[in-house]
Amino acid sequence: MKFPIKILMVLLFSCVSRADDSKLRELEVRLASAQSQQDMNIAAGEIAHYLDKQLSEKEAEIAKSLDAPGLQLFSEASKLFRAYRVAQVSFEGDRYRGGSICPLMRNEMLSRITRERLSALSVSLGTK
């Protein structure tokens, strides 16, 4: 399935986070203004890396507030989430196997799932 680049960029940019995070917005603008597939792949990878770092920081923040049994449960949940994320991205990304768009799509999927986890942690634990 092939998408024209402009349509793909509209779809990706419409899914970006609305968070008040200037670094994330900067990365998303870089993705939206990329002029080549390689530039898009790199920018999407930077967004995925940034969000993963945000997730690690959120997990560390939450872990500090837990007692030993809670920390054990949270650590297991985090470990299972990361395994799920890798498996889900592999599954969803397989349809782009061999294409130059594959890194872009995999990184977009990784970012989407990471955003969902960040949001879930914030809502369920009442943090921001």
N, C-alpha and C. Protein backbone atom coordinates (compact mmCIF):
# COMPACT_ATOMS: atom_id res chain seq x y z
N MET A 1 0.85 -1.17 0.00
CA MET A 1 0.00 0.00 0.00
C MET A 1 0.89 1.23 0.00
N LYS A 2 0.76 2.09 -0.98
CA LYS A 2 1.61 3.27 -1.07
C LYS A 2 0.78 4.52 -0.83
N PHE A 3 1.36 5.42 -0.04
CA PHE A 3 0.73 6.70 0.25
C PHE A 3 1.59 7.80 -0.34
N PRO A 4 0.98 8.81 -0.94
CA PRO A 4 1.79 9.97 -1.32
C PRO A 4 2.36 10.60 -0.05
N ILE A 5 3.57 11.11 -0.13
CA ILE A 5 4.26 11.66 1.02
C ILE A 5 3.45 12.77 1.69
N LYS A 6 2.84 13.65 0.94
CA LYS A 6 2.10 14.76 1.55
C LYS A 6 0.93 14.25 2.38
N ILE A 7 0.24 13.24 1.90
CA ILE A 7 -0.88 12.68 2.67
C ILE A 7 -0.35 12.05 3.95
N LEU A 8 0.74 11.33 3.85
CA LEU A 8 1.34 10.71 5.02
C LEU A 8 1.73 11.76 6.05
N MET A 9 2.34 12.84 5.61
CA MET A 9 2.77 13.87 6.54
C MET A 9 1.57 14.53 7.22
N VAL A 10 0.49 14.73 6.49
CA VAL A 10 -0.72 15.30 7.11
C VAL A 10 -1.23 14.35 8.18
N LEU A 11 -1.26 13.06 7.87
CA LEU A 11 -1.72 12.08 8.86
C LEU A 11 -0.83 12.06 10.09
N LEU A 12 0.47 12.05 9.88
CA LEU A 12 1.39 12.01 11.01
C LEU A 12 1.32 13.29 11.83
N PHE A 13 1.29 14.43 11.17
CA PHE A 13 1.28 15.69 11.90
C PHE A 13 -0.03 15.88 12.64
N SER A 14 -1.12 15.33 12.12
CA SER A 14 -2.40 15.47 12.81
C SER A 14 -2.47 14.62 14.07
N CYS A 15 -1.56 13.67 14.20
CA CYS A 15 -1.55 12.78 15.37
C CYS A 15 -0.56 13.23 16.44
N VAL A 16 0.10 14.35 16.23
CA VAL A 16 1.12 14.76 17.17
C VAL A 16 0.52 15.18 18.50
N SER A 17 1.34 15.12 19.50
CA SER A 17 0.93 15.47 20.85
C SER A 17 0.60 16.94 20.95
N ARG A 18 -0.39 17.24 21.77
CA ARG A 18 -0.77 18.62 22.03
C ARG A 18 -0.16 19.10 23.35
N ALA A 19 0.74 18.33 23.90
CA ALA A 19 1.34 18.67 25.18
C ALA A 19 2.14 19.96 25.07
N ASP A 20 2.26 20.64 26.19
CA ASP A 20 3.04 21.86 26.24
C ASP A 20 4.50 21.48 26.46
N ASP A 21 5.13 21.01 25.43
CA ASP A 21 6.50 20.52 25.49
C ASP A 21 7.23 21.07 24.27
N SER A 22 8.04 22.10 24.49
CA SER A 22 8.68 22.77 23.36
C SER A 22 9.65 21.88 22.60
N LYS A 23 10.36 21.00 23.29
CA LYS A 23 11.29 20.10 22.61
C LYS A 23 10.53 19.14 21.70
N LEU A 24 9.43 18.59 22.19
CA LEU A 24 8.63 17.68 21.38
C LEU A 24 8.04 18.42 20.18
N ARG A 25 7.54 19.62 20.40
CA ARG A 25 7.00 20.41 19.28
C ARG A 25 8.08 20.68 18.23
N GLU A 26 9.29 20.98 18.69
CA GLU A 26 10.40 21.23 17.76
C GLU A 26 10.68 19.99 16.91
N LEU A 27 10.69 18.83 17.54
CA LEU A 27 10.92 17.58 16.81
C LEU A 27 9.79 17.29 15.83
N GLU A 28 8.56 17.56 16.23
CA GLU A 28 7.42 17.32 15.36
C GLU A 28 7.43 18.26 14.15
N VAL A 29 7.86 19.51 14.36
CA VAL A 29 7.98 20.45 13.25
C VAL A 29 9.06 19.98 12.29
N ARG A 30 10.16 19.47 12.85
CA ARG A 30 11.24 18.94 12.00
C ARG A 30 10.72 17.78 11.13
N LEU A 31 9.90 16.92 11.72
CA LEU A 31 9.32 15.82 10.95
C LEU A 31 8.40 16.35 9.86
N ALA A 32 7.55 17.28 10.21
CA ALA A 32 6.58 17.81 9.24
C ALA A 32 7.25 18.56 8.10
N SER A 33 8.42 19.13 8.34
CA SER A 33 9.09 19.91 7.30
C SER A 33 10.20 19.15 6.60
N ALA A 34 10.37 17.88 6.93
CA ALA A 34 11.41 17.07 6.30
C ALA A 34 11.19 17.01 4.79
N GLN A 35 12.29 17.06 4.06
CA GLN A 35 12.22 17.09 2.60
C GLN A 35 12.55 15.76 1.92
N SER A 36 13.00 14.79 2.69
CA SER A 36 13.33 13.50 2.09
C SER A 36 12.86 12.38 3.02
N GLN A 37 12.78 11.20 2.48
CA GLN A 37 12.40 10.04 3.28
C GLN A 37 13.40 9.82 4.40
N GLN A 38 14.67 9.98 4.09
CA GLN A 38 15.70 9.80 5.11
C GLN A 38 15.51 10.81 6.25
N ASP A 39 15.25 12.06 5.91
CA ASP A 39 15.03 13.08 6.94
C ASP A 39 13.80 12.75 7.78
N MET A 40 12.75 12.24 7.15
CA MET A 40 11.55 11.85 7.90
C MET A 40 11.85 10.68 8.83
N ASN A 41 12.59 9.70 8.33
CA ASN A 41 12.96 8.55 9.16
C ASN A 41 13.76 8.99 10.39
N ILE A 42 14.71 9.88 10.17
CA ILE A 42 15.55 10.37 11.28
C ILE A 42 14.71 11.15 12.28
N ALA A 43 13.87 12.05 11.79
CA ALA A 43 13.05 12.88 12.68
C ALA A 43 12.08 12.02 13.49
N ALA A 44 11.46 11.03 12.85
CA ALA A 44 10.54 10.14 13.56
C ALA A 44 11.28 9.34 14.63
N GLY A 45 12.51 8.94 14.33
CA GLY A 45 13.32 8.23 15.31
C GLY A 45 13.67 9.10 16.50
N GLU A 46 13.94 10.37 16.25
CA GLU A 46 14.25 11.30 17.34
C GLU A 46 13.03 11.50 18.23
N ILE A 47 11.84 11.57 17.64
CA ILE A 47 10.62 11.70 18.43
C ILE A 47 10.41 10.46 19.29
N ALA A 48 10.57 9.28 18.69
CA ALA A 48 10.39 8.03 19.44
C ALA A 48 11.39 7.95 20.59
N HIS A 49 12.63 8.34 20.35
CA HIS A 49 13.66 8.32 21.39
C HIS A 49 13.30 9.31 22.51
N TYR A 50 12.87 10.49 22.13
CA TYR A 50 12.51 11.51 23.12
C TYR A 50 11.35 11.03 24.00
N LEU A 51 10.32 10.46 23.37
CA LEU A 51 9.18 9.98 24.14
C LEU A 51 9.56 8.81 25.05
N ASP A 52 10.45 7.95 24.58
CA ASP A 52 10.92 6.85 25.42
C ASP A 52 11.65 7.39 26.65
N LYS A 53 12.43 8.44 26.45
CA LYS A 53 13.12 9.08 27.57
C LYS A 53 12.09 9.67 28.54
N GLN A 54 11.05 10.30 28.01
CA GLN A 54 9.98 10.84 28.86
C GLN A 54 9.32 9.73 29.67
N LEU A 55 9.10 8.60 29.03
CA LEU A 55 8.48 7.46 29.72
C LEU A 55 9.38 6.96 30.84
N SER A 56 10.66 6.84 30.58
CA SER A 56 11.60 6.39 31.61
C SER A 56 11.61 7.34 32.80
N GLU A 57 11.57 8.63 32.51
CA GLU A 57 11.53 9.63 33.59
C GLU A 57 10.23 9.53 34.38
N LYS A 58 9.11 9.34 33.70
CA LYS A 58 7.82 9.21 34.38
C LYS A 58 7.81 7.96 35.25
N GLU A 59 8.35 6.87 34.72
CA GLU A 59 8.41 5.62 35.50
C GLU A 59 9.27 5.80 36.75
N ALA A 60 10.40 6.49 36.61
CA ALA A 60 11.28 6.72 37.76
C ALA A 60 10.59 7.59 38.81
N GLU A 61 9.86 8.59 38.34
CA GLU A 61 9.12 9.47 39.25
C GLU A 61 8.06 8.68 40.02
N ILE A 62 7.33 7.84 39.33
CA ILE A 62 6.29 7.04 39.96
C ILE A 62 6.90 6.03 40.93
N ALA A 63 8.00 5.40 40.50
CA ALA A 63 8.64 4.37 41.34
C ALA A 63 9.06 4.93 42.69
N LYS A 64 9.47 6.19 42.73
CA LYS A 64 9.90 6.81 43.98
C LYS A 64 8.77 6.87 45.01
N SER A 65 7.54 6.91 44.53
CA SER A 65 6.41 7.09 45.44
C SER A 65 5.78 5.77 45.90
N LEU A 66 6.31 4.65 45.46
CA LEU A 66 5.70 3.36 45.76
C LEU A 66 6.41 2.63 46.90
N ASP A 67 5.63 1.85 47.64
CA ASP A 67 6.24 0.98 48.64
C ASP A 67 6.78 -0.27 47.91
N ALA A 68 7.43 -1.14 48.64
CA ALA A 68 8.09 -2.31 48.03
C ALA A 68 7.14 -3.18 47.20
N PRO A 69 5.96 -3.57 47.74
CA PRO A 69 5.06 -4.40 46.92
C PRO A 69 4.55 -3.63 45.68
N GLY A 70 4.24 -2.37 45.85
CA GLY A 70 3.78 -1.57 44.72
C GLY A 70 4.85 -1.41 43.66
N LEU A 71 6.08 -1.21 44.12
CA LEU A 71 7.20 -1.07 43.19
C LEU A 71 7.42 -2.35 42.41
N GLN A 72 7.29 -3.48 43.06
CA GLN A 72 7.46 -4.76 42.37
C GLN A 72 6.39 -4.92 41.28
N LEU A 73 5.16 -4.60 41.61
CA LEU A 73 4.07 -4.70 40.63
C LEU A 73 4.27 -3.71 39.48
N PHE A 74 4.65 -2.49 39.82
CA PHE A 74 4.86 -1.47 38.79
C PHE A 74 6.02 -1.84 37.88
N SER A 75 7.10 -2.36 38.46
CA SER A 75 8.26 -2.77 37.65
C SER A 75 7.88 -3.88 36.68
N GLU A 76 7.09 -4.83 37.16
CA GLU A 76 6.64 -5.92 36.29
C GLU A 76 5.74 -5.40 35.18
N ALA A 77 4.83 -4.49 35.53
CA ALA A 77 3.93 -3.90 34.52
C ALA A 77 4.73 -3.13 33.47
N SER A 78 5.73 -2.39 33.91
CA SER A 78 6.56 -1.62 32.98
C SER A 78 7.35 -2.53 32.05
N LYS A 79 7.89 -3.60 32.61
CA LYS A 79 8.64 -4.58 31.81
C LYS A 79 7.72 -5.23 30.76
N LEU A 80 6.53 -5.61 31.18
CA LEU A 80 5.58 -6.23 30.25
C LEU A 80 5.11 -5.24 29.19
N PHE A 81 4.92 -3.97 29.58
CA PHE A 81 4.53 -2.95 28.60
C PHE A 81 5.59 -2.82 27.52
N ARG A 82 6.84 -2.75 27.93
CA ARG A 82 7.92 -2.59 26.95
C ARG A 82 8.02 -3.80 26.01
N ALA A 83 7.80 -4.98 26.53
CA ALA A 83 7.79 -6.17 25.68
C ALA A 83 6.61 -6.12 24.71
N TYR A 84 5.45 -5.72 25.21
CA TYR A 84 4.27 -5.58 24.35
C TYR A 84 4.55 -4.56 23.25
N ARG A 85 5.13 -3.42 23.61
CA ARG A 85 5.39 -2.35 22.65
C ARG A 85 6.27 -2.85 21.51
N VAL A 86 7.33 -3.57 21.84
CA VAL A 86 8.23 -4.10 20.81
C VAL A 86 7.47 -5.09 19.91
N ALA A 87 6.71 -5.98 20.52
CA ALA A 87 5.97 -6.98 19.74
C ALA A 87 4.92 -6.32 18.85
N GLN A 88 4.20 -5.33 19.38
CA GLN A 88 3.15 -4.67 18.61
C GLN A 88 3.72 -3.89 17.43
N VAL A 89 4.83 -3.19 17.66
CA VAL A 89 5.48 -2.45 16.57
C VAL A 89 5.98 -3.41 15.51
N SER A 90 6.53 -4.53 15.93
CA SER A 90 6.99 -5.54 14.96
C SER A 90 5.82 -6.05 14.13
N PHE A 91 4.72 -6.34 14.79
CA PHE A 91 3.54 -6.84 14.09
C PHE A 91 2.97 -5.79 13.13
N GLU A 92 2.69 -4.60 13.64
CA GLU A 92 2.10 -3.56 12.80
C GLU A 92 3.05 -3.12 11.68
N GLY A 93 4.34 -3.05 12.00
CA GLY A 93 5.31 -2.56 11.03
C GLY A 93 5.66 -3.55 9.94
N ASP A 94 5.27 -4.80 10.12
CA ASP A 94 5.63 -5.82 9.13
C ASP A 94 5.06 -5.52 7.75
N ARG A 95 3.94 -4.84 7.70
CA ARG A 95 3.35 -4.55 6.38
C ARG A 95 4.20 -3.60 5.55
N TYR A 96 5.15 -2.91 6.18
CA TYR A 96 6.03 -1.98 5.47
C TYR A 96 7.42 -2.58 5.23
N ARG A 97 7.56 -3.86 5.55
CA ARG A 97 8.85 -4.54 5.44
C ARG A 97 9.48 -4.30 4.06
N GLY A 98 10.74 -3.90 4.09
CA GLY A 98 11.49 -3.72 2.85
C GLY A 98 11.33 -2.36 2.21
N GLY A 99 10.37 -1.58 2.66
CA GLY A 99 10.16 -0.26 2.07
C GLY A 99 10.96 0.82 2.77
N SER A 100 11.25 1.88 2.06
CA SER A 100 12.03 2.96 2.66
C SER A 100 11.23 3.70 3.74
N ILE A 101 9.92 3.51 3.74
CA ILE A 101 9.07 4.14 4.73
C ILE A 101 9.01 3.35 6.04
N CYS A 102 9.54 2.15 6.04
CA CYS A 102 9.46 1.26 7.21
C CYS A 102 9.97 1.91 8.50
N PRO A 103 11.15 2.53 8.51
CA PRO A 103 11.60 3.15 9.77
C PRO A 103 10.67 4.26 10.25
N LEU A 104 10.16 5.04 9.34
CA LEU A 104 9.22 6.11 9.70
C LEU A 104 7.98 5.53 10.35
N MET A 105 7.40 4.52 9.74
CA MET A 105 6.17 3.95 10.26
C MET A 105 6.39 3.24 11.60
N ARG A 106 7.48 2.51 11.71
CA ARG A 106 7.77 1.83 12.98
C ARG A 106 7.98 2.84 14.11
N ASN A 107 8.72 3.90 13.82
CA ASN A 107 8.94 4.93 14.84
C ASN A 107 7.65 5.66 15.19
N GLU A 108 6.78 5.87 14.20
CA GLU A 108 5.49 6.51 14.49
C GLU A 108 4.65 5.61 15.38
N MET A 109 4.66 4.31 15.11
CA MET A 109 3.92 3.36 15.94
C MET A 109 4.49 3.32 17.35
N LEU A 110 5.80 3.30 17.45
CA LEU A 110 6.46 3.30 18.76
C LEU A 110 6.07 4.56 19.54
N SER A 111 6.06 5.69 18.87
CA SER A 111 5.68 6.95 19.52
C SER A 111 4.23 6.93 19.96
N ARG A 112 3.36 6.42 19.12
CA ARG A 112 1.93 6.36 19.46
C ARG A 112 1.69 5.51 20.70
N ILE A 113 2.29 4.34 20.74
CA ILE A 113 2.10 3.44 21.88
C ILE A 113 2.72 4.04 23.15
N THR A 114 3.86 4.70 23.00
CA THR A 114 4.50 5.33 24.16
C THR A 114 3.65 6.47 24.68
N ARG A 115 3.09 7.27 23.78
CA ARG A 115 2.19 8.36 24.20
C ARG A 115 0.99 7.79 24.97
N GLU A 116 0.45 6.69 24.48
CA GLU A 116 -0.69 6.07 25.15
C GLU A 116 -0.31 5.65 26.58
N ARG A 117 0.87 5.09 26.74
CA ARG A 117 1.32 4.66 28.06
C ARG A 117 1.55 5.87 28.98
N LEU A 118 2.17 6.91 28.45
CA LEU A 118 2.38 8.12 29.24
C LEU A 118 1.04 8.70 29.71
N SER A 119 0.10 8.72 28.81
CA SER A 119 -1.23 9.24 29.15
C SER A 119 -1.90 8.36 30.20
N ALA A 120 -1.82 7.07 30.03
CA ALA A 120 -2.44 6.14 30.98
C ALA A 120 -1.81 6.27 32.37
N LEU A 121 -0.50 6.42 32.42
CA LEU A 121 0.16 6.58 33.71
C LEU A 121 -0.27 7.89 34.38
N SER A 122 -0.37 8.93 33.59
CA SER A 122 -0.77 10.22 34.14
C SER A 122 -2.19 10.19 34.67
N VAL A 123 -3.09 9.56 33.92
CA VAL A 123 -4.49 9.50 34.33
C VAL A 123 -4.68 8.58 35.53
N SER A 124 -4.16 7.37 35.43
CA SER A 124 -4.42 6.40 36.50
C SER A 124 -3.73 6.74 37.81
N LEU A 125 -2.62 7.45 37.73
CA LEU A 125 -1.90 7.77 38.94
C LEU A 125 -2.05 9.24 39.35
N GLY A 126 -2.85 9.98 38.61
CA GLY A 126 -3.10 11.38 38.95
C GLY A 126 -1.88 12.27 38.90
N THR A 127 -0.95 11.96 37.98
CA THR A 127 0.25 12.79 37.83
C THR A 127 0.16 13.55 36.53
N LYS A 128 1.10 14.46 36.35
CA LYS A 128 1.12 15.21 35.09
C LYS A 128 2.49 15.19 34.50
